[in-house]
Amino acid sequence: MSQAFTPSLKAMLWIVAAGFFMQTLDTTIVNTALPSMAHSLGRKPLELQPVVVAYTLTMAMLTPASGWLATASARVASTSARF
């Protein structure tokens, strides 16, 4: 049995896929820049690996929080627009 995707579901899937792609790209950029950052700070690149882990975990925690904040602010804006 095959279920067709509605246009809104397809749009939501594309948005989620774009979010995952942007997070992966962002982490890749940080990992690529790590040797240059370590050199400019006078450290070994492996000494800065906790920075990448902390950055990735922080972004992973803040991404859902930013979605919640956007929803909450839209809710407030739509409520205040009624009055």
PDB file of N, CA and C in Angstrom:
ATOM      1  N   MET A   1       0.838  -1.165   0.000  1.00  0.00           N
ATOM      2  CA  MET A   1       0.000   0.000   0.000  1.00  0.00           C
ATOM      3  C   MET A   1       0.894   1.243   0.000  1.00  0.00           C
ATOM      4  N   SER A   2       0.629   2.132  -0.890  1.00  0.00           N
ATOM      5  CA  SER A   2       1.419   3.349  -1.047  1.00  0.00           C
ATOM      6  C   SER A   2       0.586   4.555  -0.619  1.00  0.00           C
ATOM      7  N   GLN A   3       1.205   5.413   0.178  1.00  0.00           N
ATOM      8  CA  GLN A   3       0.512   6.611   0.631  1.00  0.00           C
ATOM      9  C   GLN A   3       1.165   7.823  -0.019  1.00  0.00           C
ATOM     10  N   ALA A   4       0.363   8.652  -0.671  1.00  0.00           N
ATOM     11  CA  ALA A   4       0.892   9.838  -1.336  1.00  0.00           C
ATOM     12  C   ALA A   4       1.164  10.927  -0.303  1.00  0.00           C
ATOM     13  N   PHE A   5       2.230  11.654  -0.524  1.00  0.00           N
ATOM     14  CA  PHE A   5       2.562  12.759   0.353  1.00  0.00           C
ATOM     15  C   PHE A   5       1.790  14.003  -0.072  1.00  0.00           C
ATOM     16  N   THR A   6       1.254  14.696   0.897  1.00  0.00           N
ATOM     17  CA  THR A   6       0.571  15.948   0.598  1.00  0.00           C
ATOM     18  C   THR A   6       1.632  17.029   0.374  1.00  0.00           C
ATOM     19  N   PRO A   7       1.299  18.114  -0.318  1.00  0.00           N
ATOM     20  CA  PRO A   7       2.292  19.173  -0.539  1.00  0.00           C
ATOM     21  C   PRO A   7       2.859  19.756   0.753  1.00  0.00           C
ATOM     22  N   SER A   8       2.026  19.890   1.786  1.00  0.00           N
ATOM     23  CA  SER A   8       2.543  20.449   3.044  1.00  0.00           C
ATOM     24  C   SER A   8       3.511  19.476   3.725  1.00  0.00           C
ATOM     25  N   LEU A   9       3.253  18.182   3.614  1.00  0.00           N
ATOM     26  CA  LEU A   9       4.166  17.196   4.188  1.00  0.00           C
ATOM     27  C   LEU A   9       5.487  17.180   3.420  1.00  0.00           C
ATOM     28  N   LYS A  10       5.415  17.299   2.109  1.00  0.00           N
ATOM     29  CA  LYS A  10       6.647  17.359   1.308  1.00  0.00           C
ATOM     30  C   LYS A  10       7.465  18.591   1.678  1.00  0.00           C
ATOM     31  N   ALA A  11       6.790  19.729   1.845  1.00  0.00           N
ATOM     32  CA  ALA A  11       7.497  20.956   2.219  1.00  0.00           C
ATOM     33  C   ALA A  11       8.170  20.797   3.580  1.00  0.00           C
ATOM     34  N   MET A  12       7.460  20.193   4.524  1.00  0.00           N
ATOM     35  CA  MET A  12       8.023  19.986   5.849  1.00  0.00           C
ATOM     36  C   MET A  12       9.246  19.064   5.784  1.00  0.00           C
ATOM     37  N   LEU A  13       9.172  18.012   4.987  1.00  0.00           N
ATOM     38  CA  LEU A  13      10.312  17.106   4.845  1.00  0.00           C
ATOM     39  C   LEU A  13      11.513  17.815   4.230  1.00  0.00           C
ATOM     40  N   TRP A  14      11.269  18.663   3.245  1.00  0.00           N
ATOM     41  CA  TRP A  14      12.367  19.423   2.639  1.00  0.00           C
ATOM     42  C   TRP A  14      12.986  20.396   3.640  1.00  0.00           C
ATOM     43  N   ILE A  15      12.169  21.016   4.469  1.00  0.00           N
ATOM     44  CA  ILE A  15      12.683  21.946   5.477  1.00  0.00           C
ATOM     45  C   ILE A  15      13.533  21.206   6.503  1.00  0.00           C
ATOM     46  N   VAL A  16      13.069  20.048   6.949  1.00  0.00           N
ATOM     47  CA  VAL A  16      13.844  19.247   7.904  1.00  0.00           C
ATOM     48  C   VAL A  16      15.153  18.776   7.263  1.00  0.00           C
ATOM     49  N   ALA A  17      15.089  18.332   6.019  1.00  0.00           N
ATOM     50  CA  ALA A  17      16.299  17.892   5.320  1.00  0.00           C
ATOM     51  C   ALA A  17      17.287  19.049   5.170  1.00  0.00           C
ATOM     52  N   ALA A  18      16.779  20.243   4.863  1.00  0.00           N
ATOM     53  CA  ALA A  18      17.663  21.409   4.736  1.00  0.00           C
ATOM     54  C   ALA A  18      18.295  21.750   6.083  1.00  0.00           C
ATOM     55  N   GLY A  19      17.540  21.614   7.156  1.00  0.00           N
ATOM     56  CA  GLY A  19      18.097  21.864   8.484  1.00  0.00           C
ATOM     57  C   GLY A  19      19.210  20.892   8.833  1.00  0.00           C
ATOM     58  N   PHE A  20      18.996  19.606   8.546  1.00  0.00           N
ATOM     59  CA  PHE A  20      20.049  18.613   8.785  1.00  0.00           C
ATOM     60  C   PHE A  20      21.276  18.899   7.915  1.00  0.00           C
ATOM     61  N   PHE A  21      21.046  19.292   6.672  1.00  0.00           N
ATOM     62  CA  PHE A  21      22.167  19.607   5.781  1.00  0.00           C
ATOM     63  C   PHE A  21      22.955  20.799   6.310  1.00  0.00           C
ATOM     64  N   MET A  22      22.254  21.840   6.755  1.00  0.00           N
ATOM     65  CA  MET A  22      22.943  23.027   7.263  1.00  0.00           C
ATOM     66  C   MET A  22      23.737  22.711   8.523  1.00  0.00           C
ATOM     67  N   GLN A  23      23.190  21.868   9.398  1.00  0.00           N
ATOM     68  CA  GLN A  23      23.914  21.491  10.610  1.00  0.00           C
ATOM     69  C   GLN A  23      25.170  20.694  10.259  1.00  0.00           C
ATOM     70  N   THR A  24      25.048  19.782   9.313  1.00  0.00           N
ATOM     71  CA  THR A  24      26.206  18.989   8.889  1.00  0.00           C
ATOM     72  C   THR A  24      27.253  19.877   8.232  1.00  0.00           C
ATOM     73  N   LEU A  25      26.810  20.792   7.384  1.00  0.00           N
ATOM     74  CA  LEU A  25      27.735  21.712   6.726  1.00  0.00           C
ATOM     75  C   LEU A  25      28.435  22.600   7.746  1.00  0.00           C
ATOM     76  N   ASP A  26      27.701  23.092   8.714  1.00  0.00           N
ATOM     77  CA  ASP A  26      28.270  23.949   9.749  1.00  0.00           C
ATOM     78  C   ASP A  26      29.335  23.208  10.550  1.00  0.00           C
ATOM     79  N   THR A  27      29.046  21.981  10.940  1.00  0.00           N
ATOM     80  CA  THR A  27      30.019  21.184  11.691  1.00  0.00           C
ATOM     81  C   THR A  27      31.248  20.873  10.842  1.00  0.00           C
ATOM     82  N   THR A  28      31.033  20.614   9.551  1.00  0.00           N
ATOM     83  CA  THR A  28      32.155  20.355   8.652  1.00  0.00           C
ATOM     84  C   THR A  28      33.054  21.583   8.540  1.00  0.00           C
ATOM     85  N   ILE A  29      32.456  22.756   8.477  1.00  0.00           N
ATOM     86  CA  ILE A  29      33.248  23.990   8.394  1.00  0.00           C
ATOM     87  C   ILE A  29      34.079  24.185   9.654  1.00  0.00           C
ATOM     88  N   VAL A  30      33.480  23.931  10.809  1.00  0.00           N
ATOM     89  CA  VAL A  30      34.227  24.066  12.065  1.00  0.00           C
ATOM     90  C   VAL A  30      35.363  23.056  12.111  1.00  0.00           C
ATOM     91  N   ASN A  31      35.104  21.815  11.710  1.00  0.00           N
ATOM     92  CA  ASN A  31      36.163  20.799  11.704  1.00  0.00           C
ATOM     93  C   ASN A  31      37.267  21.144  10.717  1.00  0.00           C
ATOM     94  N   THR A  32      36.923  21.730   9.598  1.00  0.00           N
ATOM     95  CA  THR A  32      37.929  22.112   8.609  1.00  0.00           C
ATOM     96  C   THR A  32      38.770  23.284   9.109  1.00  0.00           C
ATOM     97  N   ALA A  33      38.160  24.203   9.813  1.00  0.00           N
ATOM     98  CA  ALA A  33      38.877  25.373  10.317  1.00  0.00           C
ATOM     99  C   ALA A  33      39.671  25.085  11.585  1.00  0.00           C
ATOM    100  N   LEU A  34      39.455  23.953  12.196  1.00  0.00           N
ATOM    101  CA  LEU A  34      40.100  23.641  13.469  1.00  0.00           C
ATOM    102  C   LEU A  34      41.627  23.713  13.422  1.00  0.00           C
ATOM    103  N   PRO A  35      42.315  23.154  12.422  1.00  0.00           N
ATOM    104  CA  PRO A  35      43.783  23.267  12.403  1.00  0.00           C
ATOM    105  C   PRO A  35      44.263  24.715  12.337  1.00  0.00           C
ATOM    106  N   SER A  36      43.584  25.548  11.562  1.00  0.00           N
ATOM    107  CA  SER A  36      43.978  26.967  11.488  1.00  0.00           C
ATOM    108  C   SER A  36      43.748  27.675  12.807  1.00  0.00           C
ATOM    109  N   MET A  37      42.627  27.368  13.447  1.00  0.00           N
ATOM    110  CA  MET A  37      42.346  27.973  14.747  1.00  0.00           C
ATOM    111  C   MET A  37      43.384  27.529  15.770  1.00  0.00           C
ATOM    112  N   ALA A  38      43.727  26.246  15.748  1.00  0.00           N
ATOM    113  CA  ALA A  38      44.720  25.723  16.694  1.00  0.00           C
ATOM    114  C   ALA A  38      46.083  26.374  16.456  1.00  0.00           C
ATOM    115  N   HIS A  39      46.458  26.536  15.186  1.00  0.00           N
ATOM    116  CA  HIS A  39      47.741  27.158  14.866  1.00  0.00           C
ATOM    117  C   HIS A  39      47.788  28.604  15.354  1.00  0.00           C
ATOM    118  N   SER A  40      46.713  29.350  15.137  1.00  0.00           N
ATOM    119  CA  SER A  40      46.699  30.755  15.556  1.00  0.00           C
ATOM    120  C   SER A  40      46.674  30.893  17.078  1.00  0.00           C
ATOM    121  N   LEU A  41      46.169  29.882  17.775  1.00  0.00           N
ATOM    122  CA  LEU A  41      46.154  29.909  19.237  1.00  0.00           C
ATOM    123  C   LEU A  41      47.393  29.259  19.853  1.00  0.00           C
ATOM    124  N   GLY A  42      48.261  28.715  19.010  1.00  0.00           N
ATOM    125  CA  GLY A  42      49.475  28.071  19.510  1.00  0.00           C
ATOM    126  C   GLY A  42      49.210  26.745  20.191  1.00  0.00           C
ATOM    127  N   ARG A  43      48.192  26.037  19.761  1.00  0.00           N
ATOM    128  CA  ARG A  43      47.817  24.748  20.340  1.00  0.00           C
ATOM    129  C   ARG A  43      47.879  23.657  19.285  1.00  0.00           C
ATOM    130  N   LYS A  44      47.824  22.408  19.740  1.00  0.00           N
ATOM    131  CA  LYS A  44      47.706  21.283  18.826  1.00  0.00           C
ATOM    132  C   LYS A  44      46.228  21.130  18.453  1.00  0.00           C
ATOM    133  N   PRO A  45      45.928  20.715  17.218  1.00  0.00           N
ATOM    134  CA  PRO A  45      44.516  20.574  16.820  1.00  0.00           C
ATOM    135  C   PRO A  45      43.716  19.622  17.703  1.00  0.00           C
ATOM    136  N   LEU A  46      44.335  18.559  18.179  1.00  0.00           N
ATOM    137  CA  LEU A  46      43.596  17.612  19.020  1.00  0.00           C
ATOM    138  C   LEU A  46      43.231  18.196  20.378  1.00  0.00           C
ATOM    139  N   GLU A  47      43.950  19.223  20.802  1.00  0.00           N
ATOM    140  CA  GLU A  47      43.616  19.864  22.067  1.00  0.00           C
ATOM    141  C   GLU A  47      42.324  20.681  21.956  1.00  0.00           C
ATOM    142  N   LEU A  48      41.938  21.054  20.738  1.00  0.00           N
ATOM    143  CA  LEU A  48      40.730  21.849  20.530  1.00  0.00           C
ATOM    144  C   LEU A  48      39.523  21.005  20.138  1.00  0.00           C
ATOM    145  N   GLN A  49      39.682  19.697  20.098  1.00  0.00           N
ATOM    146  CA  GLN A  49      38.557  18.839  19.733  1.00  0.00           C
ATOM    147  C   GLN A  49      37.364  18.992  20.678  1.00  0.00           C
ATOM    148  N   PRO A  50      37.563  19.197  21.985  1.00  0.00           N
ATOM    149  CA  PRO A  50      36.400  19.439  22.847  1.00  0.00           C
ATOM    150  C   PRO A  50      35.598  20.678  22.439  1.00  0.00           C
ATOM    151  N   VAL A  51      36.253  21.641  21.790  1.00  0.00           N
ATOM    152  CA  VAL A  51      35.543  22.822  21.304  1.00  0.00           C
ATOM    153  C   VAL A  51      34.535  22.414  20.233  1.00  0.00           C
ATOM    154  N   VAL A  52      34.934  21.528  19.335  1.00  0.00           N
ATOM    155  CA  VAL A  52      34.038  21.072  18.274  1.00  0.00           C
ATOM    156  C   VAL A  52      32.887  20.281  18.868  1.00  0.00           C
ATOM    157  N   VAL A  53      33.177  19.433  19.829  1.00  0.00           N
ATOM    158  CA  VAL A  53      32.123  18.643  20.467  1.00  0.00           C
ATOM    159  C   VAL A  53      31.137  19.562  21.182  1.00  0.00           C
ATOM    160  N   ALA A  54      31.654  20.533  21.931  1.00  0.00           N
ATOM    161  CA  ALA A  54      30.779  21.467  22.636  1.00  0.00           C
ATOM    162  C   ALA A  54      29.951  22.288  21.662  1.00  0.00           C
ATOM    163  N   TYR A  55      30.559  22.731  20.574  1.00  0.00           N
ATOM    164  CA  TYR A  55      29.839  23.512  19.566  1.00  0.00           C
ATOM    165  C   TYR A  55      28.718  22.685  18.933  1.00  0.00           C
ATOM    166  N   THR A  56      29.020  21.460  18.573  1.00  0.00           N
ATOM    167  CA  THR A  56      28.019  20.598  17.943  1.00  0.00           C
ATOM    168  C   THR A  56      26.869  20.288  18.910  1.00  0.00           C
ATOM    169  N   LEU A  57      27.190  19.982  20.162  1.00  0.00           N
ATOM    170  CA  LEU A  57      26.139  19.702  21.145  1.00  0.00           C
ATOM    171  C   LEU A  57      25.292  20.939  21.436  1.00  0.00           C
ATOM    172  N   THR A  58      25.935  22.101  21.506  1.00  0.00           N
ATOM    173  CA  THR A  58      25.190  23.338  21.739  1.00  0.00           C
ATOM    174  C   THR A  58      24.233  23.614  20.592  1.00  0.00           C
ATOM    175  N   MET A  59      24.698  23.458  19.356  1.00  0.00           N
ATOM    176  CA  MET A  59      23.831  23.683  18.205  1.00  0.00           C
ATOM    177  C   MET A  59      22.703  22.653  18.170  1.00  0.00           C
ATOM    178  N   ALA A  60      22.999  21.428  18.559  1.00  0.00           N
ATOM    179  CA  ALA A  60      21.959  20.391  18.580  1.00  0.00           C
ATOM    180  C   ALA A  60      20.886  20.712  19.620  1.00  0.00           C
ATOM    181  N   MET A  61      21.277  21.334  20.723  1.00  0.00           N
ATOM    182  CA  MET A  61      20.295  21.693  21.747  1.00  0.00           C
ATOM    183  C   MET A  61      19.529  22.959  21.376  1.00  0.00           C
ATOM    184  N   LEU A  62      20.195  23.903  20.727  1.00  0.00           N
ATOM    185  CA  LEU A  62      19.550  25.180  20.430  1.00  0.00           C
ATOM    186  C   LEU A  62      18.656  25.137  19.199  1.00  0.00           C
ATOM    187  N   THR A  63      18.865  24.182  18.311  1.00  0.00           N
ATOM    188  CA  THR A  63      18.033  24.115  17.116  1.00  0.00           C
ATOM    189  C   THR A  63      16.568  23.862  17.464  1.00  0.00           C
ATOM    190  N   PRO A  64      16.232  22.861  18.278  1.00  0.00           N
ATOM    191  CA  PRO A  64      14.820  22.712  18.663  1.00  0.00           C
ATOM    192  C   PRO A  64      14.310  23.888  19.491  1.00  0.00           C
ATOM    193  N   ALA A  65      15.179  24.448  20.334  1.00  0.00           N
ATOM    194  CA  ALA A  65      14.765  25.593  21.150  1.00  0.00           C
ATOM    195  C   ALA A  65      14.435  26.796  20.274  1.00  0.00           C
ATOM    196  N   SER A  66      15.186  26.990  19.203  1.00  0.00           N
ATOM    197  CA  SER A  66      14.894  28.110  18.307  1.00  0.00           C
ATOM    198  C   SER A  66      13.575  27.888  17.578  1.00  0.00           C
ATOM    199  N   GLY A  67      13.256  26.652  17.255  1.00  0.00           N
ATOM    200  CA  GLY A  67      11.964  26.354  16.651  1.00  0.00           C
ATOM    201  C   GLY A  67      10.827  26.636  17.608  1.00  0.00           C
ATOM    202  N   TRP A  68      11.019  26.267  18.883  1.00  0.00           N
ATOM    203  CA  TRP A  68       9.998  26.551  19.887  1.00  0.00           C
ATOM    204  C   TRP A  68       9.834  28.054  20.065  1.00  0.00           C
ATOM    205  N   LEU A  69      10.952  28.780  20.088  1.00  0.00           N
ATOM    206  CA  LEU A  69      10.902  30.229  20.257  1.00  0.00           C
ATOM    207  C   LEU A  69      10.205  30.899  19.077  1.00  0.00           C
ATOM    208  N   ALA A  70      10.478  30.425  17.863  1.00  0.00           N
ATOM    209  CA  ALA A  70       9.816  30.980  16.684  1.00  0.00           C
ATOM    210  C   ALA A  70       8.318  30.727  16.737  1.00  0.00           C
ATOM    211  N   THR A  71       7.930  29.537  17.167  1.00  0.00           N
ATOM    212  CA  THR A  71       6.503  29.223  17.290  1.00  0.00           C
ATOM    213  C   THR A  71       5.853  30.092  18.356  1.00  0.00           C
ATOM    214  N   ALA A  72       6.512  30.253  19.487  1.00  0.00           N
ATOM    215  CA  ALA A  72       5.955  31.059  20.573  1.00  0.00           C
ATOM    216  C   ALA A  72       5.837  32.521  20.163  1.00  0.00           C
ATOM    217  N   SER A  73       6.845  33.046  19.483  1.00  0.00           N
ATOM    218  CA  SER A  73       6.780  34.453  19.081  1.00  0.00           C
ATOM    219  C   SER A  73       5.727  34.664  17.999  1.00  0.00           C
ATOM    220  N   ALA A  74       5.537  33.685  17.123  1.00  0.00           N
ATOM    221  CA  ALA A  74       4.488  33.807  16.104  1.00  0.00           C
ATOM    222  C   ALA A  74       3.112  33.759  16.755  1.00  0.00           C
ATOM    223  N   ARG A  75       3.006  32.934  17.795  1.00  0.00           N
ATOM    224  CA  ARG A  75       1.739  32.840  18.514  1.00  0.00           C
ATOM    225  C   ARG A  75       1.408  34.171  19.189  1.00  0.00           C
ATOM    226  N   VAL A  76       2.401  34.809  19.804  1.00  0.00           N
ATOM    227  CA  VAL A  76       2.203  36.100  20.461  1.00  0.00           C
ATOM    228  C   VAL A  76       1.867  37.173  19.425  1.00  0.00           C
ATOM    229  N   ALA A  77       2.576  37.145  18.281  1.00  0.00           N
ATOM    230  CA  ALA A  77       2.325  38.138  17.250  1.00  0.00           C
ATOM    231  C   ALA A  77       0.920  37.991  16.673  1.00  0.00           C
ATOM    232  N   SER A  78       0.478  36.763  16.474  1.00  0.00           N
ATOM    233  CA  SER A  78      -0.857  36.561  15.924  1.00  0.00           C
ATOM    234  C   SER A  78      -1.923  36.917  16.949  1.00  0.00           C
ATOM    235  N   THR A  79      -1.649  36.711  18.224  1.00  0.00           N
ATOM    236  CA  THR A  79      -2.608  37.075  19.274  1.00  0.00           C
ATOM    237  C   THR A  79      -2.707  38.592  19.397  1.00  0.00           C
ATOM    238  N   SER A  80      -1.569  39.273  19.361  1.00  0.00           N
ATOM    239  CA  SER A  80      -1.603  40.732  19.488  1.00  0.00           C
ATOM    240  C   SER A  80      -2.177  41.400  18.232  1.00  0.00           C
ATOM    241  N   ALA A  81      -2.112  40.727  17.091  1.00  0.00           N
ATOM    242  CA  ALA A  81      -2.676  41.287  15.865  1.00  0.00           C
ATOM    243  C   ALA A  81      -4.204  41.292  15.907  1.00  0.00           C
ATOM    244  N   ARG A  82      -4.783  40.450  16.724  1.00  0.00           N
ATOM    245  CA  ARG A  82      -6.239  40.381  16.821  1.00  0.00           C
ATOM    246  C   ARG A  82      -6.824  41.563  17.577  1.00  0.00           C
ATOM    247  N   PHE A  83      -6.032  42.167  18.441  1.00  0.00           N
ATOM    248  CA  PHE A  83      -6.569  43.242  19.276  1.00  0.00           C
ATOM    249  C   PHE A  83      -6.326  44.591  18.695  1.00  0.00           C
TER     250      PHE A  83
END
